[in-house]
Amino acid sequence: MFPKNFKFGFSEAGFQFEMGVSDIDTNTDWYKWSHDSENIKNHIVSGDRPEEGVGYWDLYPKDHDLAEYIGMNAARIGIEWSRIFPVSTERVKVEVIEENGDILEIKITEKTIKELDLLSDKNAMQHYTNIFNDIKKRGWFLVINLFHWSLPLWINDPNNRNSEKDNALGNCMNRSSVIEFVKYAAYISYYFGSLADRFATMNEPNEVFKTCSEDKRVESYHIRMKWFVEAHARSYDAMKQFTNRQIGVIYANGDVQSFENKDPKLKEEVEYEQRYSFFDALIHGDVHWYVSACRKTNHVHGKSIRPDLSNRIDWIGVNYYSRNVVKRKEDGYENVRGLGYDTGWVSYEKSLDGRSVSETGWEIYPEGIYNIVMSYHKRYELPMMITENGMADDNDRFRPRYLVSHLKNLERAINDGAKVDGYLHWALTDNFEWGSGFSKKFGLIKVDYKTKKRYLRPSALIMKEITKHNGIPEELEWLGEDKF
């Protein structure tokens, strides 16, 4: 069984769930990107239209009713920056303290908030307030997330690429966007600080800074990661002026393993690069990886240890779907095709290890959630929440077993000391899955996109039994095998 007061819920991102009935938000880079005719022709995006989505913006009471029926008592809701500030906030001036290219402080005052208030969309603010109030009146735990990949067009227009501004899709962050993000974060904390139980500044920043750069070298990766570290740290400082709630980051994770477990040193190296380098910066102020990258590329840099970054995170959001199996190559390492997240390169039926595969081509590897949670716990001992876990499975072939096996491993981690106080499933309903459009069905609840009608999948009833018993009931334990 899970601890008393353990939270079961769902996660969602504004752009992926909100549109579908009314109030279409055309002001984001992803809206423009998903409608681009060249992208559609070249199969970069599906051609599906986000404005034909599940309609959470209008239908949130129905979705909350269904979540309550399943037994959920928590939700992570993503706010769309583009809805709050459809026009640029650059005219609101703030003092920025910098040294050797490092942003040490961004001064946000009550005057800043008042000036931002003149630019914000009050209808959007009120609508998000209504959504949050509906959650809170049910007695649920609310996590508010500020960034989930999509950005306002005034920050990043993907049709007007400028390599000097690093404005690839999703934006790699630069000095200007860090400053504007901090203003936005401060504003949200000022108005929603009493409604949220926790804040996350960003969801899966590592998925953005690892893909948005045209230059795929490790040095380029680290230089871009530093902007996200500063965006969080400076937002943390600004938000803490207006809220006493915990503030964290939600991170994408794969359970890193060397191929056939032959190279434990490579496993450590990849775990550090893909995971710990980011969190060591926000917990210990350690950015030696950035300084090293700057020296190799002749960039200006500051110190390797920065007190202005340390102790700037209160909790860690863990997103987990599969493992990363790696092997060395001449200029570094690569993922092994046929295993983990790269299984779909070889098969959508079975991995090389004989495990089942989701419709995204990801190997089902339940043990990984235990391994990742324990690794975070041993290194940092911070509170954690599983903020995404699930699979694309339209016909629910594997999701019931996926649910039980992953929760069984999570329960084992908690029994071994990990501080995990909640599990948020991705997702409650089907949604717009970025470049894949509506083709990948992650919902416990199936959605007819034409009528917007919701249908419970069998896995929703499995979740109902788990929440009812605060754990996996004996009659469902047979579903909990790791390999199937």
Protein backbone atom coordinates (compact mmCIF):
# COMPACT_ATOMS: atom_id res chain seq x y z
CA MET A 1 0.00 0.00 0.00
CA PHE A 2 1.04 3.60 -0.51
CA PRO A 3 1.54 6.02 2.39
CA LYS A 4 -1.41 7.86 3.89
CA ASN A 5 -2.21 11.06 1.95
CA PHE A 6 -0.50 9.72 -1.18
CA LYS A 7 -1.85 11.58 -4.21
CA PHE A 8 -3.21 10.00 -7.39
CA GLY A 9 -3.97 12.32 -10.27
CA PHE A 10 -3.26 13.42 -13.82
CA SER A 11 -1.03 15.85 -15.70
CA GLU A 12 -1.87 18.01 -18.69
CA ALA A 13 -0.30 20.77 -20.81
CA GLY A 14 -2.33 23.73 -22.00
CA PHE A 15 -1.50 23.54 -25.71
CA GLN A 16 -2.09 19.79 -25.86
CA PHE A 17 -5.49 19.78 -24.12
CA GLU A 18 -7.18 23.18 -24.03
CA MET A 19 -8.39 23.81 -27.55
CA GLY A 20 -11.26 22.07 -29.29
CA VAL A 21 -14.44 24.00 -28.46
CA SER A 22 -13.88 27.74 -28.06
CA ASP A 23 -11.20 30.39 -27.52
CA ILE A 24 -8.57 29.12 -29.94
CA ASP A 25 -5.06 30.26 -29.01
CA THR A 26 -3.24 31.03 -32.26
CA ASN A 27 -0.51 33.01 -30.52
CA THR A 28 2.02 30.20 -29.94
CA ASP A 29 4.98 28.93 -31.91
CA TRP A 30 3.56 25.41 -31.84
CA TYR A 31 0.24 26.51 -33.30
CA LYS A 32 2.07 28.09 -36.21
CA TRP A 33 4.48 25.16 -36.53
CA SER A 34 1.70 22.56 -36.61
CA HIS A 35 -0.13 24.47 -39.39
CA ASP A 36 2.92 25.08 -41.57
CA SER A 37 2.29 23.55 -45.01
CA GLU A 38 5.96 22.65 -45.55
CA ASN A 39 6.07 20.86 -42.19
CA ILE A 40 2.95 18.89 -43.11
CA LYS A 41 4.25 18.04 -46.59
CA ASN A 42 7.58 16.84 -45.16
CA HIS A 43 5.87 14.83 -42.37
CA ILE A 44 7.51 16.91 -39.65
CA VAL A 45 4.03 17.35 -38.20
CA SER A 46 0.90 15.26 -38.72
CA GLY A 47 -1.43 17.86 -40.22
CA ASP A 48 -3.84 17.41 -37.31
CA ARG A 49 -5.13 20.73 -35.99
CA PRO A 50 -4.80 21.49 -32.25
CA GLU A 51 -7.94 23.64 -32.42
CA GLU A 52 -9.86 20.39 -33.02
CA GLY A 53 -8.59 18.90 -29.75
CA VAL A 54 -10.23 17.58 -26.60
CA GLY A 55 -11.51 20.97 -25.41
CA TYR A 56 -10.37 20.95 -21.76
CA TRP A 57 -10.67 24.77 -21.73
CA ASP A 58 -14.45 24.42 -21.91
CA LEU A 59 -15.00 20.85 -20.69
CA TYR A 60 -12.79 20.85 -17.60
CA PRO A 61 -15.74 20.31 -15.19
CA LYS A 62 -16.62 17.09 -17.04
CA ASP A 63 -13.01 15.93 -17.02
CA HIS A 64 -12.67 16.72 -13.32
CA ASP A 65 -15.87 14.76 -12.63
CA LEU A 66 -14.41 11.75 -14.45
CA ALA A 67 -11.11 12.05 -12.61
CA GLU A 68 -13.01 12.19 -9.33
CA TYR A 69 -15.00 9.09 -10.33
CA ILE A 70 -11.71 7.27 -10.94
CA GLY A 71 -10.63 8.31 -7.45
CA MET A 72 -8.08 10.97 -8.33
CA ASN A 73 -7.29 13.77 -5.92
CA ALA A 74 -4.51 15.73 -7.64
CA ALA A 75 -3.81 17.51 -10.91
CA ARG A 76 -0.89 19.18 -12.61
CA ILE A 77 -2.19 21.94 -14.88
CA GLY A 78 -0.07 23.78 -17.43
CA ILE A 79 -0.63 27.48 -18.02
CA GLU A 80 -0.14 28.87 -21.52
CA TRP A 81 2.17 31.89 -21.37
CA SER A 82 0.65 33.06 -24.67
CA ARG A 83 -2.81 33.29 -23.13
CA ILE A 84 -1.63 35.33 -20.14
CA PHE A 85 0.52 37.71 -22.17
CA PRO A 86 -0.60 37.76 -25.81
CA VAL A 87 1.50 40.92 -26.28
CA SER A 88 5.15 41.46 -25.46
CA THR A 89 6.19 42.29 -21.89
CA GLU A 90 9.56 43.67 -22.98
CA ARG A 91 8.36 47.25 -22.38
CA VAL A 92 8.23 46.46 -18.63
CA LYS A 93 11.77 47.31 -17.57
CA VAL A 94 13.57 45.44 -14.80
CA GLU A 95 17.07 45.68 -13.40
CA VAL A 96 19.30 42.78 -14.44
CA ILE A 97 22.55 42.13 -12.61
CA GLU A 98 25.10 40.25 -14.71
CA GLU A 99 28.72 39.22 -14.61
CA ASN A 100 30.75 37.48 -17.33
CA GLY A 101 27.60 36.46 -19.19
CA ASP A 102 25.89 35.06 -16.07
CA ILE A 103 22.51 36.43 -14.97
CA LEU A 104 22.92 36.76 -11.20
CA GLU A 105 19.70 38.58 -10.34
CA ILE A 106 16.55 39.96 -11.98
CA LYS A 107 14.82 42.44 -9.71
CA ILE A 108 11.04 42.08 -9.66
CA THR A 109 9.03 44.52 -7.54
CA GLU A 110 5.37 45.28 -6.83
CA LYS A 111 5.71 48.03 -9.45
CA THR A 112 6.77 45.37 -11.97
CA ILE A 113 3.65 43.35 -11.21
CA LYS A 114 1.40 46.39 -11.62
CA GLU A 115 2.95 47.19 -15.00
CA LEU A 116 2.57 43.58 -16.12
CA ASP A 117 -1.04 43.67 -14.98
CA LEU A 118 -1.76 46.32 -17.61
CA LEU A 119 -0.62 43.89 -20.32
CA SER A 120 -2.17 40.63 -19.15
CA ASP A 121 -5.34 39.14 -20.61
CA LYS A 122 -7.86 39.37 -17.77
CA ASN A 123 -10.28 36.93 -19.42
CA ALA A 124 -7.57 34.28 -19.55
CA MET A 125 -6.58 34.99 -15.96
CA GLN A 126 -10.18 34.60 -14.84
CA HIS A 127 -10.62 31.40 -16.81
CA TYR A 128 -7.56 29.79 -15.26
CA THR A 129 -8.85 30.96 -11.86
CA ASN A 130 -12.12 29.15 -12.57
CA ILE A 131 -10.26 25.95 -13.50
CA PHE A 132 -8.10 26.10 -10.38
CA ASN A 133 -11.06 26.87 -8.14
CA ASP A 134 -12.92 23.85 -9.52
CA ILE A 135 -9.92 21.71 -8.58
CA LYS A 136 -9.56 23.21 -5.11
CA LYS A 137 -13.26 22.95 -4.24
CA ARG A 138 -12.91 19.19 -4.72
CA GLY A 139 -10.13 19.15 -2.12
CA TRP A 140 -7.47 18.19 -4.64
CA PHE A 141 -3.74 18.88 -4.61
CA LEU A 142 -2.87 21.38 -7.37
CA VAL A 143 0.47 21.66 -9.16
CA ILE A 144 0.73 24.63 -11.52
CA ASN A 145 3.32 24.36 -14.28
CA LEU A 146 4.49 27.44 -16.20
CA PHE A 147 6.27 26.12 -19.31
CA HIS A 148 5.59 23.04 -21.40
CA TRP A 149 7.42 23.74 -24.69
CA SER A 150 5.00 26.17 -26.40
CA LEU A 151 5.86 29.88 -26.37
CA PRO A 152 4.17 33.14 -27.36
CA LEU A 153 4.90 34.20 -30.93
CA TRP A 154 6.34 37.48 -29.70
CA ILE A 155 9.03 35.41 -27.95
CA ASN A 156 9.50 32.88 -30.72
CA ASP A 157 8.09 32.86 -34.24
CA PRO A 158 9.29 29.62 -35.91
CA ASN A 159 8.72 31.15 -39.36
CA ASN A 160 11.23 33.88 -38.61
CA ARG A 161 14.25 31.86 -37.60
CA ASN A 162 17.24 33.84 -36.38
CA SER A 163 20.20 31.70 -35.39
CA GLU A 164 21.72 34.56 -33.38
CA LYS A 165 18.64 34.55 -31.17
CA ASP A 166 18.57 30.74 -30.86
CA ASN A 167 14.86 30.84 -31.69
CA ALA A 168 14.39 27.31 -32.95
CA LEU A 169 11.03 25.72 -32.25
CA GLY A 170 10.47 25.67 -28.50
CA ASN A 171 13.20 28.30 -28.09
CA CYS A 172 16.53 27.41 -26.56
CA MET A 173 16.27 30.34 -24.17
CA ASN A 174 18.57 33.31 -24.45
CA ARG A 175 19.18 36.38 -22.35
CA SER A 176 16.00 38.12 -23.50
CA SER A 177 13.67 35.15 -23.11
CA VAL A 178 15.08 34.35 -19.65
CA ILE A 179 14.22 37.88 -18.50
CA GLU A 180 10.71 37.75 -19.95
CA PHE A 181 10.10 34.30 -18.50
CA VAL A 182 11.02 35.53 -15.01
CA LYS A 183 8.50 38.39 -15.31
CA TYR A 184 5.81 35.91 -16.34
CA ALA A 185 6.71 33.49 -13.50
CA ALA A 186 6.60 36.27 -10.92
CA TYR A 187 3.21 37.44 -12.19
CA ILE A 188 1.71 33.95 -12.00
CA SER A 189 3.01 33.37 -8.48
CA TYR A 190 1.63 36.74 -7.40
CA TYR A 191 -1.92 35.90 -8.51
CA PHE A 192 -2.04 32.13 -8.08
CA GLY A 193 0.34 31.68 -5.16
CA SER A 194 -2.46 30.87 -2.73
CA LEU A 195 -4.23 28.44 -5.07
CA ALA A 196 -1.27 26.26 -6.01
CA ASP A 197 0.01 23.62 -3.61
CA ARG A 198 3.21 23.40 -5.66
CA PHE A 199 4.71 25.17 -8.63
CA ALA A 200 6.89 23.84 -11.42
CA THR A 201 8.67 26.44 -13.51
CA MET A 202 9.08 24.11 -16.48
CA ASN A 203 8.31 20.66 -17.81
CA GLU A 204 11.06 18.66 -19.50
CA PRO A 205 13.43 21.51 -20.37
CA ASN A 206 15.97 18.83 -21.32
CA GLU A 207 13.77 17.75 -24.22
CA VAL A 208 14.02 21.30 -25.54
CA PHE A 209 17.68 22.14 -25.06
CA LYS A 210 18.83 18.78 -26.40
CA THR A 211 16.88 19.14 -29.67
CA CYS A 212 16.57 22.85 -30.45
CA SER A 213 20.19 23.44 -31.36
CA GLU A 214 21.44 23.00 -34.91
CA ASP A 215 24.85 22.25 -33.37
CA LYS A 216 24.59 18.84 -31.66
CA ARG A 217 27.96 18.94 -29.87
CA VAL A 218 28.05 18.40 -26.11
CA GLU A 219 29.46 21.92 -25.68
CA SER A 220 26.47 23.43 -27.49
CA TYR A 221 24.09 21.33 -25.38
CA HIS A 222 25.67 22.56 -22.13
CA ILE A 223 25.71 26.22 -23.18
CA ARG A 224 22.00 26.07 -23.96
CA MET A 225 21.21 24.12 -20.81
CA LYS A 226 22.73 26.94 -18.76
CA TRP A 227 20.04 29.36 -19.95
CA PHE A 228 17.33 27.03 -18.63
CA VAL A 229 19.16 26.67 -15.32
CA GLU A 230 19.24 30.45 -14.99
CA ALA A 231 15.61 30.80 -16.12
CA HIS A 232 14.53 28.49 -13.29
CA ALA A 233 16.84 29.94 -10.62
CA ARG A 234 15.92 33.55 -11.34
CA SER A 235 12.22 32.61 -11.50
CA TYR A 236 12.57 30.79 -8.18
CA ASP A 237 13.96 33.96 -6.57
CA ALA A 238 11.21 36.14 -8.05
CA MET A 239 8.37 33.77 -7.19
CA LYS A 240 9.49 33.32 -3.59
CA GLN A 241 8.75 37.01 -3.03
CA PHE A 242 5.05 36.29 -3.56
CA THR A 243 4.48 32.66 -2.52
CA ASN A 244 5.74 30.24 0.13
CA ARG A 245 4.81 27.20 -1.96
CA GLN A 246 7.38 24.66 -3.06
CA ILE A 247 8.91 25.40 -6.46
CA GLY A 248 10.51 22.70 -8.59
CA VAL A 249 11.33 21.45 -12.08
CA ILE A 250 9.75 18.54 -13.96
CA TYR A 251 12.33 16.51 -15.86
CA ALA A 252 12.25 13.89 -18.62
CA ASN A 253 14.01 10.69 -17.59
CA GLY A 254 15.13 7.44 -19.13
CA ASP A 255 16.56 4.68 -16.98
CA VAL A 256 20.14 4.82 -18.29
CA GLN A 257 21.82 1.45 -18.79
CA SER A 258 24.89 0.41 -20.71
CA PHE A 259 24.27 -2.22 -23.39
CA GLU A 260 24.30 -5.67 -21.76
CA ASN A 261 25.56 -3.89 -18.61
CA LYS A 262 29.10 -4.08 -20.00
CA ASP A 263 30.14 -0.48 -19.35
CA PRO A 264 29.15 0.86 -15.90
CA LYS A 265 31.42 3.89 -16.36
CA LEU A 266 29.47 4.92 -19.47
CA LYS A 267 26.22 4.61 -17.51
CA GLU A 268 27.58 7.06 -14.91
CA GLU A 269 28.80 9.47 -17.58
CA VAL A 270 25.47 9.52 -19.41
CA GLU A 271 23.43 9.83 -16.22
CA TYR A 272 25.50 12.86 -15.27
CA GLU A 273 25.20 14.49 -18.67
CA GLN A 274 21.49 13.79 -19.12
CA ARG A 275 20.27 14.27 -15.56
CA TYR A 276 22.58 15.25 -12.72
CA SER A 277 24.42 18.14 -14.38
CA PHE A 278 21.16 20.13 -14.46
CA PHE A 279 20.17 19.39 -10.87
CA ASP A 280 23.69 19.75 -9.43
CA ALA A 281 23.58 23.33 -10.72
CA LEU A 282 20.32 24.11 -8.88
CA ILE A 283 21.21 22.26 -5.70
CA HIS A 284 24.97 22.81 -5.36
CA GLY A 285 25.55 25.70 -7.76
CA ASP A 286 27.91 23.48 -9.74
CA VAL A 287 28.21 24.55 -13.40
CA HIS A 288 31.70 23.25 -14.17
CA TRP A 289 30.17 21.53 -17.21
CA TYR A 290 29.23 24.96 -18.57
CA VAL A 291 32.62 26.53 -17.84
CA SER A 292 34.32 23.60 -19.55
CA ALA A 293 32.09 24.01 -22.62
CA CYS A 294 32.82 27.74 -22.76
CA ARG A 295 36.57 27.18 -22.62
CA LYS A 296 36.38 24.77 -25.54
CA THR A 297 34.31 27.19 -27.63
CA ASN A 298 35.92 30.49 -26.52
CA HIS A 299 32.76 31.78 -24.81
CA VAL A 300 32.92 34.24 -21.95
CA HIS A 301 32.14 32.53 -18.65
CA GLY A 302 32.01 33.08 -14.92
CA LYS A 303 32.75 30.78 -11.98
CA SER A 304 32.30 27.01 -11.82
CA ILE A 305 30.49 27.23 -8.47
CA ARG A 306 27.71 29.81 -8.30
CA PRO A 307 26.01 30.50 -4.95
CA ASP A 308 23.27 32.38 -6.83
CA LEU A 309 22.11 29.06 -8.29
CA SER A 310 22.44 26.73 -5.30
CA ASN A 311 19.44 25.67 -3.18
CA ARG A 312 17.03 26.93 -5.82
CA ILE A 313 14.77 23.88 -5.99
CA ASP A 314 12.33 22.41 -3.44
CA TRP A 315 11.05 19.31 -5.23
CA ILE A 316 11.67 17.22 -8.34
CA GLY A 317 9.01 16.17 -10.82
CA VAL A 318 9.89 12.81 -12.36
CA ASN A 319 8.57 11.97 -15.83
CA TYR A 320 9.25 8.37 -16.80
CA TYR A 321 8.20 6.21 -19.75
CA SER A 322 11.07 3.85 -20.67
CA ARG A 323 14.82 3.24 -20.47
CA ASN A 324 17.85 4.53 -22.42
CA VAL A 325 20.26 1.75 -23.34
CA VAL A 326 23.58 3.19 -24.53
CA LYS A 327 26.88 2.02 -26.01
CA ARG A 328 30.08 3.82 -26.87
CA LYS A 329 30.98 4.99 -30.33
CA GLU A 330 34.05 6.78 -31.63
CA ASP A 331 32.89 10.31 -30.80
CA GLY A 332 30.82 9.60 -27.68
CA TYR A 333 27.86 7.27 -27.26
CA GLU A 334 24.58 6.34 -28.91
CA ASN A 335 21.29 4.74 -27.96
CA VAL A 336 20.90 1.09 -28.88
CA ARG A 337 18.12 0.66 -31.41
CA GLY A 338 15.61 -2.03 -30.50
CA LEU A 339 15.61 -1.22 -26.76
CA GLY A 340 14.07 1.45 -24.55
CA TYR A 341 12.97 4.66 -26.23
CA ASP A 342 14.58 3.49 -29.48
CA THR A 343 12.71 0.19 -29.81
CA GLY A 344 10.48 1.51 -32.59
CA TRP A 345 13.44 1.78 -34.94
CA VAL A 346 13.39 -2.03 -35.03
CA SER A 347 9.93 -3.21 -33.99
CA TYR A 348 6.59 -1.97 -32.67
CA GLU A 349 5.75 -5.44 -31.33
CA LYS A 350 8.65 -6.63 -29.15
CA SER A 351 11.95 -5.14 -28.04
CA LEU A 352 15.23 -7.01 -28.44
CA ASP A 353 14.67 -8.05 -24.82
CA GLY A 354 11.28 -9.58 -25.67
CA ARG A 355 9.26 -6.85 -23.96
CA SER A 356 6.05 -5.28 -25.24
CA VAL A 357 6.13 -1.89 -26.94
CA SER A 358 3.83 1.14 -26.86
CA GLU A 359 2.38 2.80 -29.95
CA THR A 360 5.13 5.42 -29.76
CA GLY A 361 7.72 2.65 -30.17
CA TRP A 362 8.85 2.77 -26.53
CA GLU A 363 9.72 -0.44 -24.71
CA ILE A 364 7.68 -1.11 -21.57
CA TYR A 365 10.24 -1.27 -18.76
CA PRO A 366 8.56 -0.92 -15.33
CA GLU A 367 11.72 -1.50 -13.26
CA GLY A 368 13.06 1.80 -14.55
CA ILE A 369 10.74 3.89 -12.42
CA TYR A 370 12.24 2.28 -9.32
CA ASN A 371 15.80 2.81 -10.54
CA ILE A 372 15.32 6.48 -11.38
CA VAL A 373 13.45 7.39 -8.20
CA MET A 374 16.09 5.69 -6.06
CA SER A 375 18.93 7.41 -7.92
CA TYR A 376 17.40 10.84 -7.30
CA HIS A 377 16.76 9.95 -3.68
CA LYS A 378 20.30 8.76 -3.01
CA ARG A 379 21.87 11.81 -4.64
CA TYR A 380 19.58 14.63 -3.41
CA GLU A 381 17.02 13.39 -0.83
CA LEU A 382 14.47 15.92 -2.10
CA PRO A 383 10.69 15.39 -2.20
CA MET A 384 9.52 13.92 -5.50
CA MET A 385 6.32 13.38 -7.41
CA ILE A 386 5.82 11.21 -10.48
CA THR A 387 4.53 13.90 -12.80
CA GLU A 388 4.18 11.82 -15.98
CA ASN A 389 3.92 8.09 -16.58
CA GLY A 390 1.79 6.29 -19.13
CA MET A 391 1.71 4.91 -22.64
CA ALA A 392 0.13 5.35 -26.06
CA ASP A 393 -2.28 2.41 -26.36
CA ASP A 394 -5.57 3.15 -28.13
CA ASN A 395 -7.10 -0.29 -27.55
CA ASP A 396 -5.81 -0.64 -23.97
CA ARG A 397 -3.91 -3.83 -24.80
CA PHE A 398 -1.13 -3.17 -22.31
CA ARG A 399 -2.07 -0.11 -20.23
CA PRO A 400 -3.72 -2.06 -17.34
CA ARG A 401 -0.51 -4.07 -16.88
CA TYR A 402 1.60 -0.97 -17.45
CA LEU A 403 -0.22 0.83 -14.63
CA VAL A 404 0.03 -1.97 -12.11
CA SER A 405 3.64 -2.90 -12.86
CA HIS A 406 4.89 0.69 -12.65
CA LEU A 407 2.97 1.45 -9.47
CA LYS A 408 4.27 -1.78 -7.93
CA ASN A 409 7.83 -0.63 -8.59
CA LEU A 410 7.06 2.86 -7.29
CA GLU A 411 5.66 1.38 -4.08
CA ARG A 412 8.87 -0.63 -3.72
CA ALA A 413 10.95 2.56 -4.04
CA ILE A 414 8.88 4.32 -1.38
CA ASN A 415 9.31 1.33 0.95
CA ASP A 416 13.06 1.64 0.36
CA GLY A 417 13.03 5.25 1.54
CA ALA A 418 12.31 7.42 -1.50
CA LYS A 419 10.28 10.56 -0.71
CA VAL A 420 7.59 10.29 -3.37
CA ASP A 421 4.20 11.69 -2.39
CA GLY A 422 2.18 11.37 -5.58
CA TYR A 423 1.61 9.76 -8.97
CA LEU A 424 0.19 11.85 -11.83
CA HIS A 425 -0.74 9.81 -14.88
CA TRP A 426 -0.18 10.99 -18.45
CA ALA A 427 -2.89 11.33 -19.35
CA LEU A 428 -6.46 11.56 -18.13
CA THR A 429 -7.77 11.97 -21.69
CA ASP A 430 -6.34 11.60 -25.16
CA ASN A 431 -4.65 14.74 -26.43
CA PHE A 432 -2.61 16.48 -29.13
CA GLU A 433 0.78 14.75 -29.04
CA TRP A 434 2.92 17.44 -30.69
CA GLY A 435 4.25 16.33 -34.09
CA SER A 436 2.21 13.10 -33.91
CA GLY A 437 -1.06 15.01 -33.58
CA PHE A 438 -4.00 12.92 -32.40
CA SER A 439 -2.56 9.55 -33.48
CA LYS A 440 -1.01 8.60 -30.13
CA LYS A 441 -3.67 7.88 -27.50
CA PHE A 442 -2.36 8.28 -23.94
CA GLY A 443 -5.69 8.70 -22.15
CA LEU A 444 -7.27 6.59 -19.47
CA ILE A 445 -10.32 8.14 -21.12
CA LYS A 446 -10.88 7.88 -24.87
CA VAL A 447 -12.13 10.99 -26.67
CA ASP A 448 -14.23 11.23 -29.81
CA TYR A 449 -12.68 14.35 -31.31
CA LYS A 450 -15.74 15.18 -33.42
CA THR A 451 -18.34 15.00 -30.65
CA LYS A 452 -15.93 15.55 -27.70
CA LYS A 453 -17.63 12.66 -25.93
CA ARG A 454 -15.53 10.85 -23.32
CA TYR A 455 -15.38 7.04 -22.88
CA LEU A 456 -13.71 5.15 -20.05
CA ARG A 457 -11.04 2.71 -21.16
CA PRO A 458 -10.70 -0.46 -19.03
CA SER A 459 -7.47 0.91 -17.52
CA ALA A 460 -9.49 3.74 -15.97
CA LEU A 461 -11.34 1.12 -13.93
CA ILE A 462 -8.02 -0.46 -12.92
CA MET A 463 -6.93 2.99 -11.70
CA LYS A 464 -10.22 3.30 -9.81
CA GLU A 465 -9.49 0.07 -7.91
CA ILE A 466 -5.93 1.23 -7.12
CA THR A 467 -7.05 4.61 -5.77
CA LYS A 468 -9.86 2.95 -3.80
CA HIS A 469 -7.37 0.71 -1.99
CA ASN A 470 -4.50 3.27 -1.93
CA GLY A 471 -2.41 0.57 -3.59
CA ILE A 472 -2.63 -2.52 -5.73
CA PRO A 473 -5.37 -4.82 -4.43
CA GLU A 474 -4.55 -8.51 -4.18
CA GLU A 475 -6.85 -9.46 -7.05
CA LEU A 476 -4.89 -7.20 -9.43
CA GLU A 477 -1.37 -8.22 -8.41
CA TRP A 478 -1.18 -10.72 -11.28
CA LEU A 479 -1.01 -7.71 -13.63
CA GLY A 480 2.20 -6.51 -12.01
CA GLU A 481 4.84 -8.55 -13.81
CA ASP A 482 7.79 -6.47 -15.00
CA LYS A 483 8.18 -8.23 -18.34
CA PHE A 484 5.17 -8.92 -20.53
